[in-house]
Amino acid sequence: MLDADIRDFFGQLDHCWLRTFLEHRIADKRILRLVGKWLTAGVVEDGQWTAGREGSPQGASVSPLLANACLHYVLDWWADWWRGRHARGDVIIVRFADDFIVGFEDEQDARRFQGELCERLAGFGLELHPDKTRLIEFGRHATRDRARRGLAKPETFDFLGFTHICARSKSGRFWLKRVTVAKRMRAKLREVKDQLKRRRHEPVPVQGAVAAKRGARPPRLLCRARQSRRGGGFPHPGDEALVQGAAAPQPAHAAELGANGPSRETMAAARPRETSLP
């Protein structure tokens, strides 16, 4: 498995090659002129404008589209040609914008592909990141083969926000396990914890109003209680009924409930369970 990463792809994108690729499929000069304006619009950071002489602004809405158009000719077409011309085993490539992984059946194919890919990218002003690009042994037979050689478990790789792991199901079959990247999970949990600490002393109606404003859904327990056939269930934290009920004094004894208090109905005796037939 080749876990590849192009170094500073959006910053090193060549405008001349990109225009050539777009002109190959687009004949409308107005679209090409609009793309040229996007590329040279520049970037505003901390109130300072920087001219865009090369590359595409990372995070802009048009950048992923331009990345697909560029790598379609630089990588996709070439990888398909290389697979049919030089590969001795099966080759599978998965790409999303500038992130891609390549799976090989033969190790020699993987090493040759990596070397020739560096030469291919260099012709367009791009290069692989030496620290983030690596060849790993991964797949349904990787655990068994590495155990025979006295090595540890297969390495994992991160792709599109998930960590891919060689695992086994309860039946013993190969299982490609995917979990959220630990670094992103820790960052999100830290953000949620800070929000909870900041809002824990606010009144319940305020917390409910903030959650409703952000479009948050109530917990499943409250949803099920509202849909029950008995009564109105639990109110939402932002409902007016909850605020009025919290402000009113609560009776201390059953006698204070008065005539409008809830009636206590006797529960019917449980029906005896019939014995099963022999």
Protein backbone atom coordinates (compact mmCIF):
# COMPACT_ATOMS: atom_id res chain seq x y z
CA MET A 1 0.00 0.00 0.00
CA LEU A 2 1.40 3.40 -1.05
CA ASP A 3 0.20 6.12 1.33
CA ALA A 4 1.17 9.21 -0.69
CA ASP A 5 0.97 12.92 0.01
CA ILE A 6 1.81 15.74 -2.42
CA ARG A 7 3.80 18.47 -0.74
CA ASP A 8 1.95 21.81 -0.69
CA PHE A 9 -0.17 20.86 -3.68
CA PHE A 10 -2.43 23.94 -3.67
CA GLY A 11 0.56 26.23 -3.20
CA GLN A 12 2.69 24.64 -5.95
CA LEU A 13 -0.05 24.32 -8.58
CA ASP A 14 1.27 25.62 -11.90
CA HIS A 15 -1.12 28.07 -13.59
CA CYS A 16 0.19 27.42 -17.10
CA TRP A 17 -0.32 23.66 -16.89
CA LEU A 18 -3.74 24.14 -15.31
CA ARG A 19 -4.89 26.43 -18.14
CA THR A 20 -3.63 23.85 -20.64
CA PHE A 21 -5.65 21.10 -18.98
CA LEU A 22 -8.79 23.23 -18.86
CA GLU A 23 -8.46 24.34 -22.49
CA HIS A 24 -8.34 20.68 -23.47
CA ARG A 25 -11.96 20.25 -22.37
CA ILE A 26 -13.42 23.79 -22.18
CA ALA A 27 -13.87 25.92 -25.30
CA ASP A 28 -15.74 28.82 -23.68
CA LYS A 29 -13.24 31.67 -23.22
CA ARG A 30 -15.43 33.30 -20.58
CA ILE A 31 -15.10 30.29 -18.28
CA LEU A 32 -11.34 30.21 -18.76
CA ARG A 33 -11.10 33.94 -18.01
CA LEU A 34 -13.18 33.47 -14.85
CA VAL A 35 -10.88 30.66 -13.67
CA GLY A 36 -7.88 32.90 -14.31
CA LYS A 37 -9.44 35.58 -12.12
CA TRP A 38 -9.97 33.04 -9.35
CA LEU A 39 -6.33 32.03 -9.46
CA THR A 40 -4.98 35.59 -9.39
CA ALA A 41 -7.47 37.02 -6.90
CA GLY A 42 -5.07 36.54 -4.02
CA VAL A 43 -5.67 35.80 -0.34
CA VAL A 44 -6.65 38.08 2.54
CA GLU A 45 -5.18 37.05 5.92
CA ASP A 46 -5.43 39.24 9.03
CA GLY A 47 -6.51 42.16 6.87
CA GLN A 48 -3.47 41.86 4.57
CA TRP A 49 -3.91 41.08 0.87
CA THR A 50 -1.37 38.79 -0.82
CA ALA A 51 -1.24 38.41 -4.58
CA GLY A 52 -1.76 34.90 -5.98
CA ARG A 53 1.12 34.48 -8.40
CA GLU A 54 1.12 30.70 -8.17
CA GLY A 55 -1.03 27.96 -6.72
CA SER A 56 -4.67 28.03 -5.73
CA PRO A 57 -6.03 29.44 -2.44
CA GLN A 58 -6.35 26.52 -0.02
CA GLY A 59 -9.85 26.45 1.43
CA ALA A 60 -11.44 28.29 -1.49
CA SER A 61 -14.54 26.74 -3.01
CA VAL A 62 -12.95 26.39 -6.45
CA SER A 63 -9.69 24.77 -5.26
CA PRO A 64 -10.98 21.16 -4.98
CA LEU A 65 -12.50 21.44 -8.46
CA LEU A 66 -9.21 22.68 -9.92
CA ALA A 67 -7.33 19.94 -8.05
CA ASN A 68 -9.52 17.27 -9.66
CA ALA A 69 -9.03 18.81 -13.11
CA CYS A 70 -5.24 18.93 -12.70
CA LEU A 71 -4.68 15.51 -11.14
CA HIS A 72 -7.01 13.88 -13.65
CA TYR A 73 -4.35 14.39 -16.30
CA VAL A 74 -1.26 14.35 -14.08
CA LEU A 75 -2.09 11.23 -12.04
CA ASP A 76 -5.28 9.40 -13.06
CA TRP A 77 -4.59 8.97 -16.76
CA TRP A 78 -0.93 8.18 -16.20
CA ALA A 79 -1.69 5.64 -13.42
CA ASP A 80 -4.19 3.87 -15.66
CA TRP A 81 -1.63 3.73 -18.47
CA TRP A 82 1.10 2.50 -16.09
CA ARG A 83 -1.14 -0.23 -14.67
CA GLY A 84 -1.81 -1.67 -18.11
CA ARG A 85 1.79 -1.36 -19.31
CA HIS A 86 4.10 -2.22 -16.39
CA ALA A 87 2.11 -3.77 -13.52
CA ARG A 88 2.45 -7.52 -13.00
CA GLY A 89 -0.32 -7.73 -10.37
CA ASP A 90 -3.50 -5.88 -9.59
CA VAL A 91 -3.31 -2.12 -8.89
CA ILE A 92 -6.07 -0.10 -7.22
CA ILE A 93 -5.99 3.68 -6.79
CA VAL A 94 -8.38 5.80 -4.71
CA ARG A 95 -8.14 9.59 -4.90
CA PHE A 96 -10.11 12.47 -3.37
CA ALA A 97 -8.86 15.90 -4.49
CA ASP A 98 -5.12 15.87 -3.66
CA ASP A 99 -5.27 12.89 -1.24
CA PHE A 100 -4.80 9.43 -2.73
CA ILE A 101 -3.67 5.91 -1.86
CA VAL A 102 -2.57 3.13 -4.20
CA GLY A 103 -2.86 -0.59 -3.44
CA PHE A 104 -0.59 -3.16 -5.08
CA GLU A 105 -0.66 -6.93 -5.24
CA ASP A 106 3.09 -7.15 -5.87
CA GLU A 107 5.71 -5.33 -3.79
CA GLN A 108 8.03 -4.73 -6.75
CA ASP A 109 5.20 -2.95 -8.56
CA ALA A 110 4.75 -0.63 -5.59
CA ARG A 111 8.43 0.34 -5.45
CA ARG A 112 8.65 0.92 -9.18
CA PHE A 113 5.44 2.94 -9.21
CA GLN A 114 6.68 5.19 -6.41
CA GLY A 115 9.93 5.95 -8.22
CA GLU A 116 8.27 6.70 -11.54
CA LEU A 117 5.53 8.73 -9.85
CA CYS A 118 8.15 11.10 -8.45
CA GLU A 119 9.49 11.66 -11.97
CA ARG A 120 5.97 12.18 -13.30
CA LEU A 121 5.09 14.81 -10.69
CA ALA A 122 8.42 16.60 -11.11
CA GLY A 123 7.54 17.30 -14.74
CA PHE A 124 4.58 19.41 -13.55
CA GLY A 125 6.33 21.20 -10.69
CA LEU A 126 5.04 18.86 -7.96
CA GLU A 127 6.71 16.41 -5.57
CA LEU A 128 5.81 13.83 -2.95
CA HIS A 129 6.26 14.73 0.70
CA PRO A 130 9.24 12.63 1.90
CA ASP A 131 8.00 12.38 5.51
CA LYS A 132 4.31 11.68 4.79
CA THR A 133 4.76 9.28 1.86
CA ARG A 134 5.44 5.64 2.79
CA LEU A 135 5.03 2.06 1.64
CA ILE A 136 3.28 -0.21 4.14
CA GLU A 137 2.25 -3.85 4.16
CA PHE A 138 -1.51 -3.91 4.42
CA GLY A 139 -4.32 -6.30 3.52
CA ARG A 140 -6.03 -9.57 4.36
CA HIS A 141 -2.77 -11.58 4.39
CA ALA A 142 -0.53 -8.92 5.95
CA THR A 143 -1.02 -10.06 9.55
CA ARG A 144 -0.27 -13.69 8.73
CA ASP A 145 2.78 -12.90 6.58
CA ARG A 146 4.27 -10.53 9.12
CA ALA A 147 3.73 -13.03 11.95
CA ARG A 148 5.70 -15.64 10.00
CA ARG A 149 8.63 -13.24 9.73
CA GLY A 150 8.40 -12.37 13.42
CA LEU A 151 7.17 -8.82 12.86
CA ALA A 152 4.49 -6.83 14.62
CA LYS A 153 0.97 -6.13 13.40
CA PRO A 154 0.52 -4.25 10.10
CA GLU A 155 0.77 -0.50 10.20
CA THR A 156 -2.31 1.69 9.93
CA PHE A 157 -2.90 4.66 7.64
CA ASP A 158 -5.16 7.70 7.76
CA PHE A 159 -7.36 8.57 4.79
CA LEU A 160 -10.30 11.00 4.58
CA GLY A 161 -10.55 11.41 8.35
CA PHE A 162 -10.50 7.69 9.22
CA THR A 163 -7.75 5.39 10.47
CA HIS A 164 -7.78 2.09 8.55
CA ILE A 165 -6.77 -0.99 10.55
CA CYS A 166 -6.27 -4.66 9.67
CA ALA A 167 -8.61 -6.49 12.05
CA ARG A 168 -10.52 -9.75 12.42
CA SER A 169 -14.23 -10.24 12.90
CA LYS A 170 -15.73 -12.57 15.50
CA SER A 171 -15.90 -15.31 12.89
CA GLY A 172 -12.18 -14.93 12.16
CA ARG A 173 -12.55 -13.31 8.74
CA PHE A 174 -10.58 -10.28 7.59
CA TRP A 175 -12.16 -6.98 8.59
CA LEU A 176 -11.06 -3.55 7.38
CA LYS A 177 -11.75 -1.57 10.52
CA ARG A 178 -12.24 2.20 10.28
CA VAL A 179 -12.16 4.54 13.25
CA THR A 180 -12.02 8.32 13.47
CA VAL A 181 -8.52 9.78 13.45
CA ALA A 182 -7.45 10.09 17.09
CA LYS A 183 -6.05 13.60 16.68
CA ARG A 184 -9.31 14.94 15.27
CA MET A 185 -11.36 13.12 17.88
CA ARG A 186 -9.33 14.64 20.72
CA ALA A 187 -9.64 18.10 19.20
CA LYS A 188 -13.42 17.80 18.85
CA LEU A 189 -13.87 16.44 22.39
CA ARG A 190 -11.72 19.27 23.74
CA GLU A 191 -13.90 21.78 21.91
CA VAL A 192 -17.10 20.22 23.28
CA LYS A 193 -15.66 20.19 26.80
CA ASP A 194 -14.77 23.88 26.61
CA GLN A 195 -18.28 24.72 25.42
CA LEU A 196 -19.85 22.75 28.26
CA LYS A 197 -17.64 24.44 30.85
CA ARG A 198 -18.50 27.86 29.46
CA ARG A 199 -22.27 27.25 29.54
CA ARG A 200 -22.75 25.04 32.59
CA HIS A 201 -23.78 27.97 34.87
CA GLU A 202 -26.29 29.45 32.43
CA PRO A 203 -30.05 28.99 33.09
CA VAL A 204 -31.76 26.02 31.50
CA PRO A 205 -34.00 28.17 29.23
CA VAL A 206 -30.92 29.94 27.88
CA GLN A 207 -29.18 26.64 27.15
CA GLY A 208 -32.30 25.37 25.40
CA ALA A 209 -32.57 28.53 23.31
CA VAL A 210 -28.92 28.26 22.24
CA ALA A 211 -29.36 24.61 21.29
CA ALA A 212 -32.52 25.39 19.30
CA LYS A 213 -30.79 28.28 17.54
CA ARG A 214 -27.96 25.99 16.44
CA GLY A 215 -30.42 23.41 15.19
CA ALA A 216 -29.53 20.78 17.79
CA ARG A 217 -32.01 17.98 18.26
CA PRO A 218 -33.29 16.98 21.72
CA PRO A 219 -32.10 13.68 23.14
CA ARG A 220 -33.80 10.51 21.95
CA LEU A 221 -35.29 9.93 25.40
CA LEU A 222 -37.16 13.24 25.25
CA CYS A 223 -38.31 12.58 21.69
CA ARG A 224 -39.75 9.22 22.66
CA ALA A 225 -41.43 10.72 25.71
CA ARG A 226 -43.10 13.39 23.59
CA GLN A 227 -44.43 10.78 21.18
CA SER A 228 -45.89 8.64 23.92
CA ARG A 229 -49.67 8.29 24.10
CA ARG A 230 -49.88 9.26 27.76
CA GLY A 231 -49.68 12.95 28.49
CA GLY A 232 -47.42 15.48 26.87
CA GLY A 233 -44.11 13.90 27.86
CA PHE A 234 -41.10 16.04 28.77
CA PRO A 235 -40.91 19.66 27.53
CA HIS A 236 -37.92 21.06 25.66
CA PRO A 237 -35.46 23.10 27.80
CA GLY A 238 -36.49 26.23 25.87
CA ASP A 239 -40.27 25.74 26.19
CA GLU A 240 -42.29 28.34 28.08
CA ALA A 241 -44.09 25.64 30.08
CA LEU A 242 -40.80 24.62 31.68
CA VAL A 243 -39.97 28.19 32.64
CA GLN A 244 -43.39 28.81 34.20
CA GLY A 245 -43.33 25.50 36.00
CA ALA A 246 -39.89 26.19 37.43
CA ALA A 247 -40.96 29.61 38.72
CA ALA A 248 -44.13 28.35 40.47
CA PRO A 249 -43.75 26.93 44.03
CA GLN A 250 -44.14 23.20 44.31
CA PRO A 251 -46.58 21.70 46.89
CA ALA A 252 -45.01 19.95 49.81
CA HIS A 253 -47.93 17.66 50.69
CA ALA A 254 -50.64 15.88 48.78
CA ALA A 255 -53.32 17.97 50.57
CA GLU A 256 -52.04 21.15 48.97
CA LEU A 257 -52.75 19.84 45.48
CA GLY A 258 -56.46 20.68 45.77
CA ALA A 259 -59.19 19.63 43.41
CA ASN A 260 -57.10 20.30 40.30
CA GLY A 261 -54.34 17.95 41.32
CA PRO A 262 -53.63 14.79 39.37
CA SER A 263 -55.88 11.88 40.29
CA ARG A 264 -54.37 8.67 41.51
CA GLU A 265 -55.93 5.77 39.66
CA THR A 266 -55.58 2.29 41.01
CA MET A 267 -53.53 -0.01 38.90
CA ALA A 268 -55.22 -3.10 37.53
CA ALA A 269 -53.95 -6.38 38.78
CA ALA A 270 -51.43 -8.02 36.52
CA ARG A 271 -52.86 -10.75 34.36
CA PRO A 272 -51.39 -14.12 35.32
CA ARG A 273 -49.10 -15.54 32.68
CA GLU A 274 -50.49 -18.60 30.98
CA THR A 275 -48.36 -21.68 31.15
CA SER A 276 -46.99 -22.95 27.89
CA LEU A 277 -48.42 -26.11 26.40
CA PRO A 278 -46.28 -29.24 26.80
